[in-house]
């Protein structure tokens, strides 16, 4: 395995290794207890509703947090503040001063972690999309490799469960969803490149669910996956802009029917 030290700090290297260990222990527990990873993921989403307490400023005075914990707390507050500020004011209308005011940090703290507003936006965007992709990948792998006592879920059912999780996550984290689907257009080419990368990931995941390439017409069906992702993004964006979260959830059935017509 090639070293990640080329682009991670020493502290990030340690955190990365701890994260790997955590997921290995989690996988072992799920396997031993015969749990359903999809139900586990859905429960994790349910545990983080929109009205959950957002990261707040650290208590004043002496505390027992390490320097790394303090930095991580500040970082999460700034990323959350970026998403919330841009939901209210848009990318162009949001200043660094507004982000640090909402996050409760100093300007010096902001520039210790981010080069600019664009850099902060890109890191918030990347963190949000990686978290969402991780949830969907865990659920997809569960459907593709179920316990021995059950059969793999049909493609339509697997797609519906992932789409349900996707839409539910967007409604629960609508501020971060707007970063990916709305404000990204104003943030410059680097942000758009991240969006295109993740859209390709979604298209590839759909292709695997519907076994695109296993039979004739693979090129046309592959294009169908890309078209489905583009259509879903456009429909979701329209509801996010209108703050119509009920309409967002209502996209599940028509998008499943569209997927079956295109790929089933």
Protein backbone atom coordinates (compact mmCIF):
# COMPACT_ATOMS: atom_id res chain seq x y z
CA UNK A 1 0.00 0.00 0.00
CA UNK A 2 1.44 3.38 -0.94
CA UNK A 3 2.01 5.82 1.87
CA UNK A 4 -0.61 8.53 2.41
CA UNK A 5 2.02 10.74 4.02
CA UNK A 6 2.60 12.54 0.73
CA UNK A 7 -0.57 14.54 1.22
CA UNK A 8 -1.58 14.03 4.89
CA UNK A 9 -0.07 15.56 8.01
CA UNK A 10 1.30 13.35 10.78
CA UNK A 11 -1.85 13.94 12.86
CA UNK A 12 -4.06 13.10 9.87
CA UNK A 13 -2.07 9.88 9.31
CA UNK A 14 -2.83 8.76 12.86
CA UNK A 15 -6.50 9.70 12.50
CA UNK A 16 -6.68 7.78 9.20
CA UNK A 17 -5.29 4.61 10.81
CA UNK A 18 -7.71 4.94 13.73
CA UNK A 19 -10.58 5.31 11.26
CA UNK A 20 -9.55 2.09 9.47
CA UNK A 21 -9.45 0.24 12.79
CA UNK A 22 -12.88 1.58 13.75
CA UNK A 23 -14.46 0.37 10.51
CA UNK A 24 -12.82 -3.05 10.82
CA UNK A 25 -14.25 -3.45 14.32
CA UNK A 26 -17.63 -2.24 13.11
CA UNK A 27 -17.63 -4.74 10.22
CA UNK A 28 -16.73 -7.57 12.60
CA UNK A 29 -19.56 -6.59 14.96
CA UNK A 30 -22.10 -6.40 12.13
CA UNK A 31 -21.01 -9.82 10.85
CA UNK A 32 -21.01 -11.46 14.29
CA UNK A 33 -24.41 -10.09 15.28
CA UNK A 34 -25.94 -10.68 11.81
CA UNK A 35 -27.02 -7.06 11.59
CA UNK A 36 -28.28 -5.38 8.42
CA UNK A 37 -25.84 -2.63 7.34
CA UNK A 38 -28.64 -0.87 5.44
CA UNK A 39 -30.76 -0.69 8.60
CA UNK A 40 -27.68 0.47 10.52
CA UNK A 41 -27.00 3.25 8.01
CA UNK A 42 -30.65 4.32 7.98
CA UNK A 43 -30.58 4.45 11.79
CA UNK A 44 -27.48 6.65 11.71
CA UNK A 45 -29.25 9.06 9.37
CA UNK A 46 -32.33 9.06 11.62
CA UNK A 47 -30.14 9.94 14.60
CA UNK A 48 -29.00 13.22 13.00
CA UNK A 49 -32.19 15.24 12.32
CA UNK A 50 -32.15 18.81 11.12
CA UNK A 51 -32.90 20.10 14.61
CA UNK A 52 -29.96 18.26 16.19
CA UNK A 53 -27.59 20.47 18.14
CA UNK A 54 -25.09 22.04 15.78
CA UNK A 55 -21.43 22.25 16.83
CA UNK A 56 -21.06 25.10 19.30
CA UNK A 57 -18.10 27.11 20.57
CA UNK A 58 -15.82 25.40 23.05
CA UNK A 59 -16.29 26.33 26.71
CA UNK A 60 -14.15 29.18 27.95
CA UNK A 61 -11.46 28.57 30.51
CA UNK A 62 -9.51 25.38 31.10
CA UNK A 63 -10.67 22.16 29.49
CA UNK A 64 -9.22 18.69 28.88
CA UNK A 65 -9.37 18.67 25.09
CA UNK A 66 -6.23 18.01 23.11
CA UNK A 67 -4.97 20.46 20.50
CA UNK A 68 -6.19 18.09 17.78
CA UNK A 69 -9.68 17.98 19.30
CA UNK A 70 -9.81 21.77 19.50
CA UNK A 71 -8.75 22.12 15.86
CA UNK A 72 -11.31 19.51 14.75
CA UNK A 73 -14.08 21.26 16.69
CA UNK A 74 -13.18 24.59 15.09
CA UNK A 75 -13.03 23.00 11.67
CA UNK A 76 -16.47 21.38 11.98
CA UNK A 77 -17.99 24.66 13.17
CA UNK A 78 -16.51 26.52 10.21
CA UNK A 79 -17.65 23.94 7.66
CA UNK A 80 -21.16 23.91 9.16
CA UNK A 81 -21.23 27.71 9.26
CA UNK A 82 -20.19 27.81 5.60
CA UNK A 83 -23.06 25.56 4.57
CA UNK A 84 -25.62 27.44 6.64
CA UNK A 85 -24.43 30.89 5.54
CA UNK A 86 -24.47 29.92 1.87
CA UNK A 87 -27.92 28.40 2.23
CA UNK A 88 -29.15 31.80 3.45
CA UNK A 89 -27.02 34.15 1.32
CA UNK A 90 -25.56 32.11 -1.52
CA UNK A 91 -21.89 31.64 -2.35
CA UNK A 92 -21.35 35.16 -3.70
CA UNK A 93 -23.15 36.83 -0.80
CA UNK A 94 -21.25 34.95 1.91
CA UNK A 95 -18.04 36.52 3.21
CA UNK A 96 -15.28 35.09 5.38
CA UNK A 97 -16.44 37.52 8.08
CA UNK A 98 -19.91 35.93 8.00
CA UNK A 99 -18.46 32.42 8.28
CA UNK A 100 -16.28 33.24 11.29
CA UNK A 101 -19.14 35.14 12.95
CA UNK A 102 -21.43 32.12 12.70
CA UNK A 103 -18.69 29.68 13.69
CA UNK A 104 -17.58 31.73 16.68
CA UNK A 105 -13.89 31.68 15.73
CA UNK A 106 -11.30 34.32 14.96
CA UNK A 107 -10.10 35.36 11.52
CA UNK A 108 -6.67 33.97 12.44
CA UNK A 109 -8.24 30.58 13.21
CA UNK A 110 -10.01 30.57 9.84
CA UNK A 111 -6.82 31.25 7.87
CA UNK A 112 -4.88 28.66 9.86
CA UNK A 113 -7.10 25.98 8.28
CA UNK A 114 -8.28 27.47 4.98
CA UNK A 115 -6.57 29.56 2.33
CA UNK A 116 -9.75 31.38 1.29
CA UNK A 117 -13.52 31.22 1.18
CA UNK A 118 -13.25 29.06 -1.94
CA UNK A 119 -10.90 26.63 -0.17
CA UNK A 120 -13.30 26.38 2.78
CA UNK A 121 -16.21 25.76 0.40
CA UNK A 122 -14.34 23.04 -1.48
CA UNK A 123 -13.39 21.25 1.72
CA UNK A 124 -16.97 21.44 3.00
CA UNK A 125 -18.20 20.12 -0.34
CA UNK A 126 -15.69 17.29 -0.37
CA UNK A 127 -16.46 16.29 3.23
CA UNK A 128 -20.22 16.25 2.58
CA UNK A 129 -19.99 14.21 -0.63
CA UNK A 130 -17.57 11.69 0.90
CA UNK A 131 -19.88 11.16 3.85
CA UNK A 132 -22.89 10.65 1.58
CA UNK A 133 -20.98 8.33 -0.75
CA UNK A 134 -19.79 6.30 2.24
CA UNK A 135 -23.36 5.81 3.46
CA UNK A 136 -24.56 4.75 0.01
CA UNK A 137 -21.59 2.45 -0.60
CA UNK A 138 -22.15 0.64 2.70
CA UNK A 139 -25.81 0.13 1.84
CA UNK A 140 -25.03 -0.98 -1.73
CA UNK A 141 -22.47 -3.53 -0.59
CA UNK A 142 -24.98 -4.91 1.91
CA UNK A 143 -27.56 -5.43 -0.83
CA UNK A 144 -25.00 -6.97 -3.21
CA UNK A 145 -23.59 -9.40 -0.61
CA UNK A 146 -26.44 -10.31 1.79
CA UNK A 147 -26.26 -12.99 4.52
CA UNK A 148 -26.15 -16.56 3.22
CA UNK A 149 -29.74 -17.16 4.29
CA UNK A 150 -31.12 -14.56 1.88
CA UNK A 151 -30.85 -13.87 -1.83
CA UNK A 152 -29.41 -10.68 -3.33
CA UNK A 153 -32.07 -7.99 -3.63
CA UNK A 154 -33.45 -7.35 -7.14
CA UNK A 155 -31.90 -4.30 -8.85
CA UNK A 156 -35.08 -2.25 -8.56
CA UNK A 157 -35.31 -2.88 -4.81
CA UNK A 158 -31.63 -2.08 -4.25
CA UNK A 159 -31.93 1.13 -6.24
CA UNK A 160 -35.06 2.16 -4.32
CA UNK A 161 -33.39 1.62 -0.96
CA UNK A 162 -30.34 3.64 -1.96
CA UNK A 163 -32.47 6.40 -3.48
CA UNK A 164 -34.59 6.54 -0.33
CA UNK A 165 -31.44 6.89 1.79
CA UNK A 166 -30.05 9.54 -0.59
CA UNK A 167 -33.20 11.68 -0.54
CA UNK A 168 -33.60 11.29 3.19
CA UNK A 169 -30.02 12.39 3.80
CA UNK A 170 -30.50 15.45 1.57
CA UNK A 171 -33.60 16.51 3.48
CA UNK A 172 -31.86 16.05 6.83
CA UNK A 173 -28.72 17.90 5.67
CA UNK A 174 -30.25 20.40 3.25
CA UNK A 175 -27.61 23.08 3.85
CA UNK A 176 -24.79 20.77 2.75
CA UNK A 177 -26.98 19.45 -0.08
CA UNK A 178 -27.23 22.99 -1.46
CA UNK A 179 -23.44 23.22 -1.55
CA UNK A 180 -23.24 20.21 -3.85
CA UNK A 181 -26.25 20.94 -6.03
CA UNK A 182 -26.73 24.73 -6.09
CA UNK A 183 -23.85 26.89 -4.86
CA UNK A 184 -21.21 24.77 -6.61
CA UNK A 185 -21.93 26.59 -9.88
CA UNK A 186 -20.67 29.87 -8.39
CA UNK A 187 -17.61 28.42 -6.66
CA UNK A 188 -15.30 27.93 -9.64
CA UNK A 189 -13.84 25.10 -11.74
CA UNK A 190 -12.25 23.12 -8.88
CA UNK A 191 -15.59 22.78 -7.12
CA UNK A 192 -17.31 21.78 -10.36
CA UNK A 193 -14.63 19.12 -10.94
CA UNK A 194 -15.48 17.59 -7.54
CA UNK A 195 -19.17 17.60 -8.46
CA UNK A 196 -18.49 15.88 -11.80
CA UNK A 197 -16.31 13.26 -10.07
CA UNK A 198 -19.05 12.34 -7.63
CA UNK A 199 -21.70 12.30 -10.33
CA UNK A 200 -19.58 9.74 -12.19
CA UNK A 201 -19.38 7.72 -8.98
CA UNK A 202 -23.16 7.71 -8.67
CA UNK A 203 -23.56 6.70 -12.33
CA UNK A 204 -21.07 3.84 -11.88
CA UNK A 205 -22.91 2.65 -8.75
CA UNK A 206 -26.23 2.60 -10.65
CA UNK A 207 -24.57 0.73 -13.52
CA UNK A 208 -23.38 -1.94 -11.10
CA UNK A 209 -26.81 -2.27 -9.49
CA UNK A 210 -28.51 -2.83 -12.86
CA UNK A 211 -25.64 -4.98 -14.22
CA UNK A 212 -24.90 -2.62 -17.09
CA UNK A 213 -22.30 -4.24 -19.34
CA UNK A 214 -23.44 -7.78 -18.60
CA UNK A 215 -25.62 -7.85 -21.71
CA UNK A 216 -26.16 -6.16 -25.07
CA UNK A 217 -26.61 -2.42 -25.51
CA UNK A 218 -24.09 -1.62 -22.78
CA UNK A 219 -23.14 1.78 -24.26
CA UNK A 220 -26.75 2.93 -24.46
CA UNK A 221 -27.52 1.68 -20.94
CA UNK A 222 -24.36 3.31 -19.60
CA UNK A 223 -25.57 6.60 -21.08
CA UNK A 224 -28.90 5.88 -19.40
CA UNK A 225 -27.12 5.78 -16.00
CA UNK A 226 -25.54 9.18 -16.65
CA UNK A 227 -28.85 10.61 -17.84
CA UNK A 228 -30.61 9.27 -14.74
CA UNK A 229 -28.07 10.91 -12.43
CA UNK A 230 -28.34 14.22 -14.31
CA UNK A 231 -32.14 14.12 -14.20
CA UNK A 232 -32.17 13.30 -10.49
CA UNK A 233 -29.72 16.13 -9.75
CA UNK A 234 -31.84 18.64 -11.66
CA UNK A 235 -35.09 17.57 -9.98
CA UNK A 236 -33.51 17.55 -6.53
CA UNK A 237 -31.97 20.98 -7.12
CA UNK A 238 -35.33 22.49 -8.06
CA UNK A 239 -36.88 21.31 -4.79
CA UNK A 240 -33.90 22.45 -2.71
CA UNK A 241 -34.00 25.95 -4.22
CA UNK A 242 -37.72 26.14 -3.38
CA UNK A 243 -37.04 24.70 0.11
CA UNK A 244 -39.64 22.04 -0.76
CA UNK A 245 -38.38 19.10 1.29
CA UNK A 246 -41.69 17.24 1.05
CA UNK A 247 -41.48 17.42 -2.74
CA UNK A 248 -37.88 16.24 -2.51
CA UNK A 249 -38.93 13.09 -0.69
CA UNK A 250 -41.72 12.62 -3.22
CA UNK A 251 -39.20 12.08 -6.03
CA UNK A 252 -38.55 8.50 -4.94
CA UNK A 253 -41.33 6.72 -6.83
CA UNK A 254 -41.01 8.58 -10.17
CA UNK A 255 -37.22 8.20 -10.18
CA UNK A 256 -37.47 4.46 -9.50
CA UNK A 257 -39.94 4.10 -12.37
CA UNK A 258 -37.61 6.09 -14.63
CA UNK A 259 -34.66 3.89 -13.67
CA UNK A 260 -36.61 0.73 -14.47
CA UNK A 261 -37.68 2.08 -17.86
CA UNK A 262 -34.14 3.11 -18.75
CA UNK A 263 -32.19 0.21 -17.25
CA UNK A 264 -34.49 -2.55 -16.06
